[in-house]
Amino acid sequence: MEQFNAGDQRVPVDFAGLQLPAGFVSHCGGFHLHETRPVLGVLLESEHLNSLRIAHGGLIATFADTAMGVVYRRERPDSLAPVTLSLSLDYLSPAREGEWLEAHVEILKSRGTFVSVQCLVKVGERLVTRASAVLALLSKAPTSSISDTLD
């Protein structure tokens, strides 16, 4: 039987609200990081939906991208900051309001300042989206282009 947080009966236990700095992702609403597993979760609300009343593809892309970066930072806290160079998504099934969406992250390979990461976005056992990314590890914020920063 699934247990839920005392603060929000709709959020499974072992997930804590993700504290994000000001910026775009902070407006997406309600991301939760699992305490030990490489999983980010979100309860889908009306503001996450498109006109068809299913999760907006942009929200799912942001959710997967954020999950990959957050999990990488937590698992390798002494590393440089990850920035997404490429992101690929396959939308496989819709997610609906009231569903608990989870992004399960796996770091595949690190080579120098590049990291390959994959993410399976699911509702329960149902696969919603498959995502993969290449992250660049940066020692400073990008200036004019990513290639200038990696030199």
N, C-alpha and C. Protein backbone atom coordinates (compact mmCIF):
# COMPACT_ATOMS: atom_id res chain seq x y z
N MET A 1 0.85 -1.19 0.00
CA MET A 1 0.00 0.00 0.00
C MET A 1 0.89 1.24 0.00
N GLU A 2 0.59 2.18 -0.90
CA GLU A 2 1.39 3.39 -1.01
C GLU A 2 1.09 4.33 0.14
N GLN A 3 2.15 4.94 0.69
CA GLN A 3 1.99 5.90 1.77
C GLN A 3 2.24 7.29 1.21
N PHE A 4 1.65 8.30 1.88
CA PHE A 4 1.75 9.66 1.40
C PHE A 4 2.32 10.57 2.48
N ASN A 5 2.90 11.70 2.04
CA ASN A 5 3.44 12.70 2.96
C ASN A 5 2.32 13.31 3.78
N ALA A 6 2.61 13.61 5.03
CA ALA A 6 1.61 14.23 5.91
C ALA A 6 1.21 15.60 5.40
N GLY A 7 2.18 16.35 4.82
CA GLY A 7 1.90 17.71 4.34
C GLY A 7 1.00 17.74 3.12
N ASP A 8 1.06 16.74 2.28
CA ASP A 8 0.22 16.68 1.08
C ASP A 8 -0.14 15.22 0.85
N GLN A 9 -1.37 14.87 1.07
CA GLN A 9 -1.81 13.49 0.96
C GLN A 9 -1.75 12.95 -0.46
N ARG A 10 -1.38 13.79 -1.43
CA ARG A 10 -1.30 13.33 -2.82
C ARG A 10 0.14 13.06 -3.26
N VAL A 11 1.13 13.38 -2.40
CA VAL A 11 2.55 13.18 -2.72
C VAL A 11 3.05 11.96 -1.95
N PRO A 12 3.59 10.96 -2.66
CA PRO A 12 4.08 9.76 -1.96
C PRO A 12 5.17 10.08 -0.94
N VAL A 13 5.21 9.28 0.11
CA VAL A 13 6.23 9.41 1.13
C VAL A 13 7.61 9.22 0.49
N ASP A 14 8.64 9.77 1.08
CA ASP A 14 10.03 9.72 0.61
C ASP A 14 10.31 10.73 -0.50
N PHE A 15 9.34 11.57 -0.84
CA PHE A 15 9.57 12.66 -1.79
C PHE A 15 9.48 13.98 -1.04
N ALA A 16 10.44 14.87 -1.29
CA ALA A 16 10.45 16.19 -0.66
C ALA A 16 10.40 17.25 -1.75
N GLY A 17 9.70 18.34 -1.47
CA GLY A 17 9.61 19.45 -2.41
C GLY A 17 11.00 19.91 -2.83
N LEU A 18 11.19 20.10 -4.13
CA LEU A 18 12.47 20.53 -4.68
C LEU A 18 12.56 22.04 -4.58
N GLN A 19 13.58 22.52 -3.90
CA GLN A 19 13.80 23.95 -3.76
C GLN A 19 14.58 24.44 -4.98
N LEU A 20 13.97 25.29 -5.78
CA LEU A 20 14.60 25.77 -7.00
C LEU A 20 14.88 27.26 -6.90
N PRO A 21 15.99 27.70 -7.48
CA PRO A 21 16.23 29.14 -7.53
C PRO A 21 15.23 29.79 -8.47
N ALA A 22 15.09 31.10 -8.37
CA ALA A 22 14.21 31.83 -9.27
C ALA A 22 14.60 31.52 -10.71
N GLY A 23 13.62 31.46 -11.57
CA GLY A 23 13.87 31.17 -12.97
C GLY A 23 12.72 30.37 -13.55
N PHE A 24 12.87 29.97 -14.79
CA PHE A 24 11.79 29.32 -15.53
C PHE A 24 11.22 28.11 -14.81
N VAL A 25 12.08 27.18 -14.37
CA VAL A 25 11.60 25.92 -13.80
C VAL A 25 10.78 26.16 -12.53
N SER A 26 11.09 27.22 -11.79
CA SER A 26 10.33 27.49 -10.57
C SER A 26 8.86 27.81 -10.87
N HIS A 27 8.54 28.16 -12.11
CA HIS A 27 7.16 28.46 -12.50
C HIS A 27 6.39 27.21 -12.96
N CYS A 28 7.08 26.08 -13.09
CA CYS A 28 6.43 24.86 -13.58
C CYS A 28 5.65 24.16 -12.49
N GLY A 29 6.02 24.39 -11.26
CA GLY A 29 5.21 23.98 -10.14
C GLY A 29 5.32 22.57 -9.61
N GLY A 30 5.75 22.47 -8.37
CA GLY A 30 5.58 21.27 -7.58
C GLY A 30 6.45 20.07 -7.85
N PHE A 31 7.70 20.25 -8.25
CA PHE A 31 8.59 19.10 -8.44
C PHE A 31 9.06 18.61 -7.07
N HIS A 32 9.15 17.27 -6.92
CA HIS A 32 9.57 16.64 -5.67
C HIS A 32 10.67 15.63 -5.97
N LEU A 33 11.72 15.65 -5.17
CA LEU A 33 12.86 14.75 -5.34
C LEU A 33 12.76 13.62 -4.32
N HIS A 34 12.93 12.38 -4.80
CA HIS A 34 12.94 11.24 -3.89
C HIS A 34 14.17 11.35 -3.00
N GLU A 35 14.02 10.98 -1.73
CA GLU A 35 15.11 11.14 -0.76
C GLU A 35 16.35 10.33 -1.11
N THR A 36 16.20 9.15 -1.70
CA THR A 36 17.37 8.31 -1.97
C THR A 36 17.48 7.84 -3.41
N ARG A 37 16.37 7.62 -4.08
CA ARG A 37 16.41 7.10 -5.44
C ARG A 37 16.58 8.24 -6.46
N PRO A 38 17.10 7.96 -7.66
CA PRO A 38 17.28 8.99 -8.68
C PRO A 38 15.97 9.27 -9.42
N VAL A 39 15.00 9.80 -8.68
CA VAL A 39 13.65 9.99 -9.20
C VAL A 39 13.12 11.36 -8.80
N LEU A 40 12.55 12.06 -9.77
CA LEU A 40 11.85 13.32 -9.53
C LEU A 40 10.37 13.06 -9.78
N GLY A 41 9.49 13.66 -8.99
CA GLY A 41 8.06 13.45 -9.16
C GLY A 41 7.31 14.77 -9.22
N VAL A 42 6.13 14.72 -9.81
CA VAL A 42 5.24 15.88 -9.83
C VAL A 42 3.81 15.38 -9.91
N LEU A 43 2.94 16.02 -9.15
CA LEU A 43 1.51 15.74 -9.23
C LEU A 43 0.94 16.66 -10.31
N LEU A 44 0.36 16.08 -11.33
CA LEU A 44 -0.14 16.88 -12.45
C LEU A 44 -1.40 17.65 -12.05
N GLU A 45 -1.31 18.96 -12.19
CA GLU A 45 -2.41 19.87 -11.87
C GLU A 45 -2.92 20.50 -13.16
N SER A 46 -3.99 21.25 -13.08
CA SER A 46 -4.60 21.85 -14.28
C SER A 46 -3.63 22.75 -15.03
N GLU A 47 -2.74 23.44 -14.32
CA GLU A 47 -1.79 24.35 -14.98
C GLU A 47 -0.71 23.60 -15.77
N HIS A 48 -0.60 22.30 -15.60
CA HIS A 48 0.38 21.49 -16.33
C HIS A 48 -0.19 20.94 -17.64
N LEU A 49 -1.46 21.20 -17.92
CA LEU A 49 -2.15 20.55 -19.03
C LEU A 49 -2.22 21.44 -20.28
N ASN A 50 -2.38 20.79 -21.43
CA ASN A 50 -2.61 21.53 -22.67
C ASN A 50 -4.12 21.60 -22.93
N SER A 51 -4.51 22.08 -24.10
CA SER A 51 -5.94 22.24 -24.40
C SER A 51 -6.68 20.91 -24.53
N LEU A 52 -5.95 19.81 -24.69
CA LEU A 52 -6.57 18.48 -24.73
C LEU A 52 -6.74 17.87 -23.34
N ARG A 53 -6.32 18.64 -22.31
CA ARG A 53 -6.42 18.23 -20.90
C ARG A 53 -5.49 17.06 -20.56
N ILE A 54 -4.35 16.99 -21.27
CA ILE A 54 -3.29 16.04 -20.93
C ILE A 54 -2.03 16.87 -20.65
N ALA A 55 -1.05 16.25 -20.01
CA ALA A 55 0.18 16.97 -19.66
C ALA A 55 0.80 17.59 -20.92
N HIS A 56 1.14 18.86 -20.83
CA HIS A 56 1.74 19.59 -21.94
C HIS A 56 3.11 19.02 -22.24
N GLY A 57 3.42 18.83 -23.52
CA GLY A 57 4.72 18.29 -23.91
C GLY A 57 5.88 19.12 -23.41
N GLY A 58 5.70 20.44 -23.37
CA GLY A 58 6.75 21.32 -22.85
C GLY A 58 7.00 21.10 -21.37
N LEU A 59 5.93 20.84 -20.62
CA LEU A 59 6.09 20.54 -19.19
C LEU A 59 6.85 19.24 -19.02
N ILE A 60 6.50 18.23 -19.81
CA ILE A 60 7.18 16.93 -19.69
C ILE A 60 8.65 17.08 -20.08
N ALA A 61 8.95 17.85 -21.11
CA ALA A 61 10.34 18.08 -21.52
C ALA A 61 11.11 18.80 -20.40
N THR A 62 10.50 19.82 -19.82
CA THR A 62 11.13 20.55 -18.72
C THR A 62 11.34 19.65 -17.52
N PHE A 63 10.35 18.83 -17.22
CA PHE A 63 10.41 17.91 -16.09
C PHE A 63 11.55 16.90 -16.27
N ALA A 64 11.64 16.29 -17.45
CA ALA A 64 12.70 15.32 -17.72
C ALA A 64 14.07 15.98 -17.69
N ASP A 65 14.20 17.13 -18.33
CA ASP A 65 15.47 17.86 -18.37
C ASP A 65 15.91 18.25 -16.96
N THR A 66 14.98 18.75 -16.18
CA THR A 66 15.28 19.13 -14.79
C THR A 66 15.69 17.91 -13.99
N ALA A 67 14.98 16.81 -14.14
CA ALA A 67 15.29 15.59 -13.40
C ALA A 67 16.72 15.13 -13.69
N MET A 68 17.11 15.14 -14.96
CA MET A 68 18.45 14.67 -15.30
C MET A 68 19.52 15.56 -14.67
N GLY A 69 19.34 16.86 -14.71
CA GLY A 69 20.31 17.78 -14.10
C GLY A 69 20.35 17.69 -12.59
N VAL A 70 19.18 17.63 -11.97
CA VAL A 70 19.09 17.57 -10.50
C VAL A 70 19.70 16.28 -9.97
N VAL A 71 19.37 15.17 -10.59
CA VAL A 71 19.91 13.88 -10.14
C VAL A 71 21.42 13.85 -10.34
N TYR A 72 21.90 14.36 -11.47
CA TYR A 72 23.35 14.39 -11.69
C TYR A 72 24.03 15.21 -10.58
N ARG A 73 23.49 16.38 -10.28
CA ARG A 73 24.10 17.23 -9.23
C ARG A 73 24.08 16.56 -7.87
N ARG A 74 22.99 15.86 -7.55
CA ARG A 74 22.92 15.19 -6.25
C ARG A 74 23.91 14.03 -6.18
N GLU A 75 24.04 13.25 -7.25
CA GLU A 75 24.93 12.10 -7.23
C GLU A 75 26.40 12.49 -7.35
N ARG A 76 26.67 13.65 -7.91
CA ARG A 76 28.06 14.10 -8.08
C ARG A 76 28.17 15.56 -7.65
N PRO A 77 28.01 15.80 -6.34
CA PRO A 77 27.95 17.19 -5.84
C PRO A 77 29.24 17.99 -6.03
N ASP A 78 30.36 17.31 -6.20
CA ASP A 78 31.62 18.03 -6.36
C ASP A 78 31.95 18.33 -7.82
N SER A 79 31.06 17.94 -8.73
CA SER A 79 31.34 18.16 -10.15
C SER A 79 30.97 19.58 -10.56
N LEU A 80 31.30 19.90 -11.79
CA LEU A 80 30.93 21.18 -12.38
C LEU A 80 29.43 21.19 -12.68
N ALA A 81 28.89 22.35 -12.94
CA ALA A 81 27.45 22.49 -13.20
C ALA A 81 27.07 21.89 -14.56
N PRO A 82 26.02 21.03 -14.59
CA PRO A 82 25.60 20.45 -15.87
C PRO A 82 24.66 21.40 -16.62
N VAL A 83 24.88 21.52 -17.91
CA VAL A 83 24.02 22.30 -18.80
C VAL A 83 23.65 21.39 -19.98
N THR A 84 22.40 21.39 -20.36
CA THR A 84 21.93 20.51 -21.44
C THR A 84 22.42 20.99 -22.80
N LEU A 85 23.15 20.11 -23.50
CA LEU A 85 23.58 20.39 -24.87
C LEU A 85 22.56 19.86 -25.87
N SER A 86 22.05 18.67 -25.61
CA SER A 86 21.02 18.11 -26.49
C SER A 86 20.03 17.36 -25.63
N LEU A 87 18.79 17.36 -26.10
CA LEU A 87 17.70 16.70 -25.40
C LEU A 87 16.81 16.06 -26.45
N SER A 88 16.55 14.77 -26.28
CA SER A 88 15.70 14.04 -27.21
C SER A 88 14.58 13.37 -26.42
N LEU A 89 13.35 13.48 -26.95
CA LEU A 89 12.20 12.93 -26.25
C LEU A 89 11.33 12.13 -27.21
N ASP A 90 10.78 11.04 -26.69
CA ASP A 90 9.76 10.27 -27.38
C ASP A 90 8.54 10.24 -26.47
N TYR A 91 7.45 10.87 -26.92
CA TYR A 91 6.20 10.88 -26.16
C TYR A 91 5.43 9.60 -26.51
N LEU A 92 5.17 8.77 -25.52
CA LEU A 92 4.61 7.44 -25.78
C LEU A 92 3.17 7.27 -25.34
N SER A 93 2.76 7.96 -24.29
CA SER A 93 1.36 7.89 -23.85
C SER A 93 1.04 9.16 -23.06
N PRO A 94 -0.23 9.54 -22.99
CA PRO A 94 -0.60 10.77 -22.29
C PRO A 94 -0.60 10.60 -20.77
N ALA A 95 -0.38 11.70 -20.09
CA ALA A 95 -0.52 11.75 -18.63
C ALA A 95 -1.62 12.77 -18.33
N ARG A 96 -2.41 12.49 -17.32
CA ARG A 96 -3.61 13.29 -17.06
C ARG A 96 -3.58 13.96 -15.68
N GLU A 97 -4.42 14.96 -15.54
CA GLU A 97 -4.55 15.68 -14.28
C GLU A 97 -4.81 14.71 -13.14
N GLY A 98 -4.13 14.95 -12.01
CA GLY A 98 -4.29 14.11 -10.83
C GLY A 98 -3.35 12.94 -10.77
N GLU A 99 -2.65 12.66 -11.87
CA GLU A 99 -1.70 11.54 -11.87
C GLU A 99 -0.35 11.99 -11.30
N TRP A 100 0.32 11.04 -10.65
CA TRP A 100 1.65 11.26 -10.11
C TRP A 100 2.65 10.82 -11.18
N LEU A 101 3.42 11.77 -11.68
CA LEU A 101 4.38 11.53 -12.75
C LEU A 101 5.77 11.42 -12.13
N GLU A 102 6.53 10.42 -12.53
CA GLU A 102 7.88 10.24 -12.03
C GLU A 102 8.88 10.18 -13.18
N ALA A 103 10.02 10.82 -12.97
CA ALA A 103 11.14 10.78 -13.92
C ALA A 103 12.25 9.95 -13.27
N HIS A 104 12.52 8.78 -13.86
CA HIS A 104 13.54 7.87 -13.36
C HIS A 104 14.81 8.08 -14.18
N VAL A 105 15.87 8.52 -13.52
CA VAL A 105 17.09 8.96 -14.20
C VAL A 105 18.21 7.93 -14.06
N GLU A 106 18.95 7.76 -15.14
CA GLU A 106 20.15 6.91 -15.12
C GLU A 106 21.28 7.66 -15.82
N ILE A 107 22.39 7.82 -15.11
CA ILE A 107 23.59 8.41 -15.71
C ILE A 107 24.30 7.28 -16.45
N LEU A 108 24.44 7.44 -17.75
CA LEU A 108 24.97 6.37 -18.58
C LEU A 108 26.49 6.40 -18.70
N LYS A 109 27.05 7.59 -18.99
CA LYS A 109 28.47 7.66 -19.29
C LYS A 109 28.98 9.08 -19.08
N SER A 110 30.15 9.18 -18.49
CA SER A 110 30.83 10.47 -18.36
C SER A 110 32.16 10.38 -19.10
N ARG A 111 32.44 11.40 -19.86
CA ARG A 111 33.72 11.46 -20.57
C ARG A 111 34.16 12.92 -20.59
N GLY A 112 35.19 13.22 -19.84
CA GLY A 112 35.66 14.61 -19.77
C GLY A 112 34.59 15.52 -19.22
N THR A 113 34.21 16.51 -20.02
CA THR A 113 33.19 17.47 -19.58
C THR A 113 31.81 17.16 -20.17
N PHE A 114 31.61 15.94 -20.66
CA PHE A 114 30.32 15.54 -21.23
C PHE A 114 29.75 14.34 -20.49
N VAL A 115 28.43 14.33 -20.34
CA VAL A 115 27.74 13.25 -19.63
C VAL A 115 26.52 12.85 -20.45
N SER A 116 26.34 11.54 -20.64
CA SER A 116 25.13 11.01 -21.28
C SER A 116 24.19 10.53 -20.18
N VAL A 117 22.92 10.93 -20.30
CA VAL A 117 21.93 10.62 -19.28
C VAL A 117 20.64 10.18 -19.98
N GLN A 118 19.91 9.26 -19.34
CA GLN A 118 18.59 8.91 -19.86
C GLN A 118 17.57 9.02 -18.75
N CYS A 119 16.31 9.13 -19.16
CA CYS A 119 15.24 9.33 -18.20
C CYS A 119 13.98 8.67 -18.74
N LEU A 120 13.33 7.89 -17.90
CA LEU A 120 12.04 7.30 -18.23
C LEU A 120 10.98 7.99 -17.38
N VAL A 121 10.04 8.65 -18.04
CA VAL A 121 8.97 9.35 -17.35
C VAL A 121 7.76 8.43 -17.33
N LYS A 122 7.25 8.17 -16.12
CA LYS A 122 6.21 7.15 -15.96
C LYS A 122 5.09 7.62 -15.04
N VAL A 123 3.93 7.02 -15.24
CA VAL A 123 2.83 7.07 -14.28
C VAL A 123 2.67 5.62 -13.84
N GLY A 124 3.05 5.32 -12.62
CA GLY A 124 3.07 3.93 -12.17
C GLY A 124 4.04 3.16 -13.05
N GLU A 125 3.59 2.09 -13.65
CA GLU A 125 4.44 1.30 -14.56
C GLU A 125 4.27 1.72 -16.02
N ARG A 126 3.32 2.62 -16.29
CA ARG A 126 3.06 3.05 -17.66
C ARG A 126 4.10 4.07 -18.11
N LEU A 127 4.77 3.77 -19.20
CA LEU A 127 5.79 4.66 -19.75
C LEU A 127 5.11 5.79 -20.52
N VAL A 128 5.39 7.02 -20.12
CA VAL A 128 4.81 8.21 -20.74
C VAL A 128 5.77 8.81 -21.76
N THR A 129 7.04 8.94 -21.37
CA THR A 129 8.05 9.57 -22.23
C THR A 129 9.40 8.94 -21.96
N ARG A 130 10.16 8.79 -23.04
CA ARG A 130 11.55 8.35 -22.93
C ARG A 130 12.39 9.55 -23.36
N ALA A 131 13.36 9.91 -22.52
CA ALA A 131 14.20 11.07 -22.81
C ALA A 131 15.67 10.71 -22.67
N SER A 132 16.50 11.38 -23.46
CA SER A 132 17.94 11.23 -23.30
C SER A 132 18.56 12.61 -23.52
N ALA A 133 19.72 12.79 -22.91
CA ALA A 133 20.38 14.09 -23.01
C ALA A 133 21.89 13.92 -22.97
N VAL A 134 22.56 14.90 -23.52
CA VAL A 134 23.99 15.08 -23.33
C VAL A 134 24.14 16.37 -22.54
N LEU A 135 24.82 16.27 -21.41
CA LEU A 135 25.07 17.42 -20.56
C LEU A 135 26.53 17.83 -20.70
N ALA A 136 26.76 19.13 -20.67
CA ALA A 136 28.13 19.66 -20.61
C ALA A 136 28.35 20.14 -19.19
N LEU A 137 29.53 19.89 -18.67
CA LEU A 137 29.87 20.34 -17.32
C LEU A 137 30.65 21.64 -17.44
N LEU A 138 30.08 22.69 -16.88
CA LEU A 138 30.65 24.03 -17.04
C LEU A 138 31.20 24.56 -15.72
N SER A 139 32.32 25.24 -15.81
CA SER A 139 32.89 25.86 -14.62
C SER A 139 32.39 27.28 -14.44
N LYS A 140 31.73 27.82 -15.46
CA LYS A 140 31.17 29.17 -15.37
C LYS A 140 29.93 29.23 -16.26
N ALA A 141 29.14 30.29 -16.08
CA ALA A 141 27.93 30.45 -16.89
C ALA A 141 28.31 30.71 -18.34
N PRO A 142 27.54 30.16 -19.29
CA PRO A 142 27.83 30.40 -20.70
C PRO A 142 27.80 31.89 -21.02
N THR A 143 28.71 32.29 -21.90
CA THR A 143 28.76 33.70 -22.30
C THR A 143 28.11 33.86 -23.67
N SER A 144 28.88 33.73 -24.73
CA SER A 144 28.31 33.92 -26.05
C SER A 144 27.88 32.61 -26.71
N SER A 145 28.63 31.55 -26.50
CA SER A 145 28.24 30.26 -27.06
C SER A 145 28.81 29.15 -26.21
N ILE A 146 28.22 27.99 -26.31
CA ILE A 146 28.67 26.85 -25.51
C ILE A 146 30.09 26.46 -25.89
N SER A 147 30.45 26.56 -27.15
CA SER A 147 31.80 26.17 -27.57
C SER A 147 32.86 27.08 -26.96
N ASP A 148 32.54 28.37 -26.78
CA ASP A 148 33.50 29.27 -26.14
C ASP A 148 33.76 28.85 -24.70
N THR A 149 32.73 28.39 -24.02
CA THR A 149 32.84 28.01 -22.61
C THR A 149 33.62 26.72 -22.43
N LEU A 150 33.56 25.80 -23.40
CA LEU A 150 34.20 24.51 -23.25
C LEU A 150 35.67 24.52 -23.63
N ASP A 151 36.16 25.61 -24.21
CA ASP A 151 37.58 25.69 -24.59
C ASP A 151 38.48 25.71 -23.39
